[in-house]
C-alpha atoms as a PDB file:
ATOM      1  CA  MET A   1     272.561  27.860  -7.919  1.00  0.00           C
ATOM      2  CA  LYS A   2     272.219  31.097  -9.891  1.00  0.00           C
ATOM      3  CA  TYR A   3     268.574  30.271 -10.628  1.00  0.00           C
ATOM      4  CA  ILE A   4     267.786  29.909  -6.906  1.00  0.00           C
ATOM      5  CA  GLU A   5     269.564  33.183  -6.159  1.00  0.00           C
ATOM      6  CA  LYS A   6     267.529  34.936  -8.876  1.00  0.00           C
ATOM      7  CA  ILE A   7     264.274  33.599  -7.394  1.00  0.00           C
ATOM      8  CA  ASN A   8     265.395  34.658  -3.924  1.00  0.00           C
ATOM      9  CA  SER A   9     266.333  38.192  -4.958  1.00  0.00           C
ATOM     10  CA  TRP A  10     263.133  38.605  -6.999  1.00  0.00           C
ATOM     11  CA  GLY A  11     261.064  37.390  -4.030  1.00  0.00           C
ATOM     12  CA  ASP A  12     262.799  39.848  -1.713  1.00  0.00           C
ATOM     13  CA  ARG A  13     262.149  42.807  -4.027  1.00  0.00           C
ATOM     14  CA  HIS A  14     258.472  42.005  -4.740  1.00  0.00           C
ATOM     15  CA  HIS A  15     257.077  41.048  -1.359  1.00  0.00           C
ATOM     16  CA  PRO A  16     254.072  42.940   0.079  1.00  0.00           C
ATOM     17  CA  LYS A  17     253.410  42.754   3.829  1.00  0.00           C
ATOM     18  CA  ILE A  18     249.972  41.160   3.334  1.00  0.00           C
ATOM     19  CA  ILE A  19     251.710  38.025   2.062  1.00  0.00           C
ATOM     20  CA  ASP A  20     253.557  37.824   5.387  1.00  0.00           C
ATOM     21  CA  ILE A  21     250.256  37.937   7.253  1.00  0.00           C
ATOM     22  CA  ILE A  22     248.777  35.295   4.940  1.00  0.00           C
ATOM     23  CA  ARG A  23     251.929  33.186   5.477  1.00  0.00           C
ATOM     24  CA  MET A  24     251.417  33.373   9.226  1.00  0.00           C
ATOM     25  CA  LEU A  25     247.754  32.379   8.905  1.00  0.00           C
ATOM     26  CA  VAL A  26     248.639  29.399   6.698  1.00  0.00           C
ATOM     27  CA  GLY A  27     251.282  28.333   9.221  1.00  0.00           C
ATOM     28  CA  LEU A  28     248.733  28.568  12.025  1.00  0.00           C
ATOM     29  CA  LEU A  29     246.223  26.578   9.983  1.00  0.00           C
ATOM     30  CA  LEU A  30     248.812  23.851   9.363  1.00  0.00           C
ATOM     31  CA  ILE A  31     249.624  23.687  13.075  1.00  0.00           C
ATOM     32  CA  ILE A  32     245.927  23.332  13.916  1.00  0.00           C
ATOM     33  CA  LYS A  33     245.431  20.602  11.278  1.00  0.00           C
ATOM     34  CA  GLY A  34     248.525  18.788  12.540  1.00  0.00           C
ATOM     35  CA  TYR A  35     247.151  18.910  16.076  1.00  0.00           C
ATOM     36  CA  VAL A  36     243.781  17.576  14.875  1.00  0.00           C
ATOM     37  CA  TYR A  37     245.552  14.755  13.018  1.00  0.00           C
ATOM     38  CA  PHE A  38     247.609  14.021  16.114  1.00  0.00           C
ATOM     39  CA  ASN A  39     244.442  13.604  18.187  1.00  0.00           C
ATOM     40  CA  ASN A  40     242.616  11.612  15.479  1.00  0.00           C
ATOM     41  CA  ALA A  41     245.331   9.244  14.256  1.00  0.00           C
ATOM     42  CA  GLY A  42     242.918   6.305  14.402  1.00  0.00           C
ATOM     43  CA  TYR A  43     240.467   8.027  12.098  1.00  0.00           C
ATOM     44  CA  ILE A  44     243.200   8.787   9.581  1.00  0.00           C
ATOM     45  CA  ARG A  45     244.358   5.177   9.720  1.00  0.00           C
ATOM     46  CA  GLU A  46     240.813   3.950   9.043  1.00  0.00           C
ATOM     47  CA  ALA A  47     240.426   6.398   6.138  1.00  0.00           C
ATOM     48  CA  ILE A  48     243.648   5.126   4.556  1.00  0.00           C
ATOM     49  CA  ILE A  49     242.557   1.507   4.966  1.00  0.00           C
ATOM     50  CA  GLN A  50     238.976   2.179   3.822  1.00  0.00           C
ATOM     51  CA  TYR A  51     239.976   3.882   0.581  1.00  0.00           C
ATOM     52  CA  LYS A  52     242.872   1.475   0.019  1.00  0.00           C
ATOM     53  CA  LEU A  53     245.238   4.359  -0.603  1.00  0.00           C
ATOM     54  CA  ILE A  54     248.177   2.281   0.597  1.00  0.00           C
ATOM     55  CA  ARG A  55     248.388  -1.485   0.397  1.00  0.00           C
ATOM     56  CA  GLN A  56     251.245  -1.902   2.826  1.00  0.00           C
ATOM     57  CA  SER A  57     251.817  -3.156   6.298  1.00  0.00           C
ATOM     58  CA  PRO A  58     250.361  -1.345   9.294  1.00  0.00           C
ATOM     59  CA  ASP A  59     253.848  -0.045  10.094  1.00  0.00           C
ATOM     60  CA  VAL A  60     254.021   1.851   6.800  1.00  0.00           C
ATOM     61  CA  ILE A  61     250.570   3.312   7.408  1.00  0.00           C
ATOM     62  CA  LEU A  62     251.640   4.369  10.893  1.00  0.00           C
ATOM     63  CA  ALA A  63     254.807   5.976   9.498  1.00  0.00           C
ATOM     64  CA  ILE A  64     252.723   7.954   6.998  1.00  0.00           C
ATOM     65  CA  ILE A  65     250.385   9.117   9.756  1.00  0.00           C
ATOM     66  CA  TYR A  66     253.333  10.267  11.871  1.00  0.00           C
ATOM     67  CA  TYR A  67     254.958  11.960   8.868  1.00  0.00           C
ATOM     68  CA  THR A  68     251.733  13.780   8.072  1.00  0.00           C
ATOM     69  CA  THR A  69     251.199  14.865  11.648  1.00  0.00           C
ATOM     70  CA  TYR A  70     254.696  15.990  12.548  1.00  0.00           C
ATOM     71  CA  ILE A  71     255.532  17.614   9.239  1.00  0.00           C
ATOM     72  CA  GLN A  72     252.363  19.673   9.475  1.00  0.00           C
ATOM     73  CA  LEU A  73     253.145  20.668  13.073  1.00  0.00           C
ATOM     74  CA  VAL A  74     256.812  21.492  12.498  1.00  0.00           C
ATOM     75  CA  GLY A  75     256.358  22.840   8.962  1.00  0.00           C
ATOM     76  CA  GLY A  76     253.415  24.967  10.089  1.00  0.00           C
ATOM     77  CA  ALA A  77     255.481  26.401  12.946  1.00  0.00           C
ATOM     78  CA  MET A  78     258.362  27.158  10.586  1.00  0.00           C
ATOM     79  CA  ILE A  79     256.027  28.827   8.093  1.00  0.00           C
ATOM     80  CA  LEU A  80     254.329  30.790  10.880  1.00  0.00           C
ATOM     81  CA  LEU A  81     257.640  32.083  12.192  1.00  0.00           C
ATOM     82  CA  GLY A  82     259.165  32.571   8.745  1.00  0.00           C
ATOM     83  CA  LEU A  83     262.074  30.254   9.418  1.00  0.00           C
ATOM     84  CA  SER A  84     263.235  28.483   6.217  1.00  0.00           C
ATOM     85  CA  THR A  85     259.808  29.019   4.710  1.00  0.00           C
ATOM     86  CA  ARG A  86     260.747  27.607   1.323  1.00  0.00           C
ATOM     87  CA  ILE A  87     262.067  24.353   2.777  1.00  0.00           C
ATOM     88  CA  ALA A  88     259.075  23.997   5.106  1.00  0.00           C
ATOM     89  CA  SER A  89     256.672  24.654   2.226  1.00  0.00           C
ATOM     90  CA  ILE A  90     258.383  22.008   0.100  1.00  0.00           C
ATOM     91  CA  CYS A  91     258.118  19.491   2.961  1.00  0.00           C
ATOM     92  CA  VAL A  92     254.406  20.193   3.522  1.00  0.00           C
ATOM     93  CA  LEU A  93     253.607  20.184  -0.201  1.00  0.00           C
ATOM     94  CA  PRO A  94     253.225  16.362  -0.627  1.00  0.00           C
ATOM     95  CA  ILE A  95     250.747  16.260   2.261  1.00  0.00           C
ATOM     96  CA  ILE A  96     248.572  18.973   0.759  1.00  0.00           C
ATOM     97  CA  ILE A  97     248.776  17.422  -2.715  1.00  0.00           C
ATOM     98  CA  GLY A  98     247.628  14.135  -1.171  1.00  0.00           C
ATOM     99  CA  ALA A  99     244.792  15.955   0.574  1.00  0.00           C
ATOM    100  CA  VAL A 100     243.647  17.591  -2.648  1.00  0.00           C
ATOM    101  CA  PHE A 101     243.878  14.587  -4.968  1.00  0.00           C
ATOM    102  CA  PHE A 102     243.159  11.625  -2.690  1.00  0.00           C
ATOM    103  CA  ILE A 103     241.392  12.414   0.560  1.00  0.00           C
ATOM    104  CA  ASN A 104     239.109  15.281  -0.435  1.00  0.00           C
ATOM    105  CA  VAL A 105     238.123  13.749  -3.752  1.00  0.00           C
ATOM    106  CA  LEU A 106     237.355  10.304  -2.331  1.00  0.00           C
ATOM    107  CA  ASP A 107     235.626  11.286   0.895  1.00  0.00           C
ATOM    108  CA  PRO A 108     232.385  13.266   0.603  1.00  0.00           C
ATOM    109  CA  TYR A 109     232.655  14.360   4.248  1.00  0.00           C
ATOM    110  CA  PHE A 110     235.971  16.087   3.584  1.00  0.00           C
ATOM    111  CA  ASN A 111     234.647  17.662   0.382  1.00  0.00           C
ATOM    112  CA  SER A 112     233.939  20.902   2.227  1.00  0.00           C
ATOM    113  CA  GLU A 113     237.680  21.178   2.860  1.00  0.00           C
ATOM    114  CA  LEU A 114     238.593  20.672  -0.796  1.00  0.00           C
ATOM    115  CA  TRP A 115     238.673  24.405  -1.565  1.00  0.00           C
ATOM    116  CA  LEU A 116     240.669  25.106   1.572  1.00  0.00           C
ATOM    117  CA  SER A 117     243.203  22.457   0.550  1.00  0.00           C
ATOM    118  CA  ILE A 118     243.453  23.918  -2.958  1.00  0.00           C
ATOM    119  CA  LEU A 119     243.956  27.405  -1.493  1.00  0.00           C
ATOM    120  CA  VAL A 120     246.675  26.170   0.880  1.00  0.00           C
ATOM    121  CA  LEU A 121     248.348  24.335  -2.019  1.00  0.00           C
ATOM    122  CA  ALA A 122     248.394  27.517  -4.114  1.00  0.00           C
ATOM    123  CA  LEU A 123     249.716  29.554  -1.190  1.00  0.00           C
ATOM    124  CA  LEU A 124     252.477  27.024  -0.476  1.00  0.00           C
ATOM    125  CA  LEU A 125     253.566  27.290  -4.099  1.00  0.00           C
ATOM    126  CA  LEU A 126     253.568  31.076  -3.695  1.00  0.00           C
ATOM    127  CA  PHE A 127     255.704  30.823  -0.536  1.00  0.00           C
ATOM    128  CA  ILE A 128     258.193  28.598  -2.339  1.00  0.00           C
ATOM    129  CA  ILE A 129     258.680  31.412  -4.848  1.00  0.00           C
ATOM    130  CA  GLU A 130     258.288  34.450  -2.579  1.00  0.00           C
ATOM    131  CA  GLY A 131     260.092  33.223   0.518  1.00  0.00           C
ATOM    132  CA  SER A 132     259.652  34.496   4.050  1.00  0.00           C
ATOM    133  CA  GLY A 133     259.432  38.261   3.685  1.00  0.00           C
ATOM    134  CA  LYS A 134     260.369  41.003   6.126  1.00  0.00           C
ATOM    135  CA  LEU A 135     258.126  39.839   8.979  1.00  0.00           C
ATOM    136  CA  SER A 136     260.088  36.659   9.573  1.00  0.00           C
ATOM    137  CA  LEU A 137     262.899  35.147  11.558  1.00  0.00           C
ATOM    138  CA  ASP A 138     264.877  34.629   8.348  1.00  0.00           C
ATOM    139  CA  TYR A 139     264.894  38.371   7.693  1.00  0.00           C
ATOM    140  CA  LEU A 140     265.655  39.162  11.327  1.00  0.00           C
ATOM    141  CA  LEU A 141     268.538  36.700  11.435  1.00  0.00           C
ATOM    142  CA  SER A 142     269.982  37.832   8.110  1.00  0.00           C
ATOM    143  CA  ASP A 143     269.760  41.468   9.220  1.00  0.00           C
ATOM    144  CA  PHE A 144     271.443  40.553  12.508  1.00  0.00           C
ATOM    145  CA  LYS A 145     274.177  38.657  10.689  1.00  0.00           C
ATOM    146  CA  LYS A 146     274.692  41.536   8.244  1.00  0.00           C
ATOM    147  CA  ASN A 147     275.031  44.110  11.063  1.00  0.00           C
ATOM    148  CA  ARG A 148     277.294  41.852  13.106  1.00  0.00           C
ATOM    149  CA  TYR A 149     279.895  41.392  10.390  1.00  0.00           C
ATOM    150  CA  GLU A 150     279.912  44.957   9.079  1.00  0.00           C
END
C-alpha cells in the first residue's frame, strides 16, 4: 500500500495541466471508438472470426464484443471526467493492447490506426502513473471532502 501512496503523491506533485487536457482528449477518443464499436458490432464479430483470434462459442465472442464496447464507453467517460482515472485506465488497457498486437497488426485496413493505438497505450500507462490531476472530479471531490471535514 505504501508503494501506491508514493506513486499517488509523486503524480500529484508532478502533474502539468497539459496532461489533463490530453487525458480529456483520450477519454473522448475512447468514447467515440466505443460508440463506433457499438454501431459496428457485426464487423467486429466478423474480424474476430476471420482472424481466428478466439476459437470459442459465439457467446464468448459476443461477450468480448460487449466488454470491448462498454468498457471503452464507460472507461472513456471516466477518463474524460477524471473519475478514478487509474482504475479506468487499467480496465481499458487490455483492449488497447489487443488492438495494438492483434487487430492492427493482422488487418491492413486498420494499419493506419496502429500509431494511434500505440499512442493511446502509452498515454494510458502515463495516466496509471500520473493519475487524474487538478482538472478532474477526483480532485474536486477530494478538495470538497477535505474542506467539509476541516
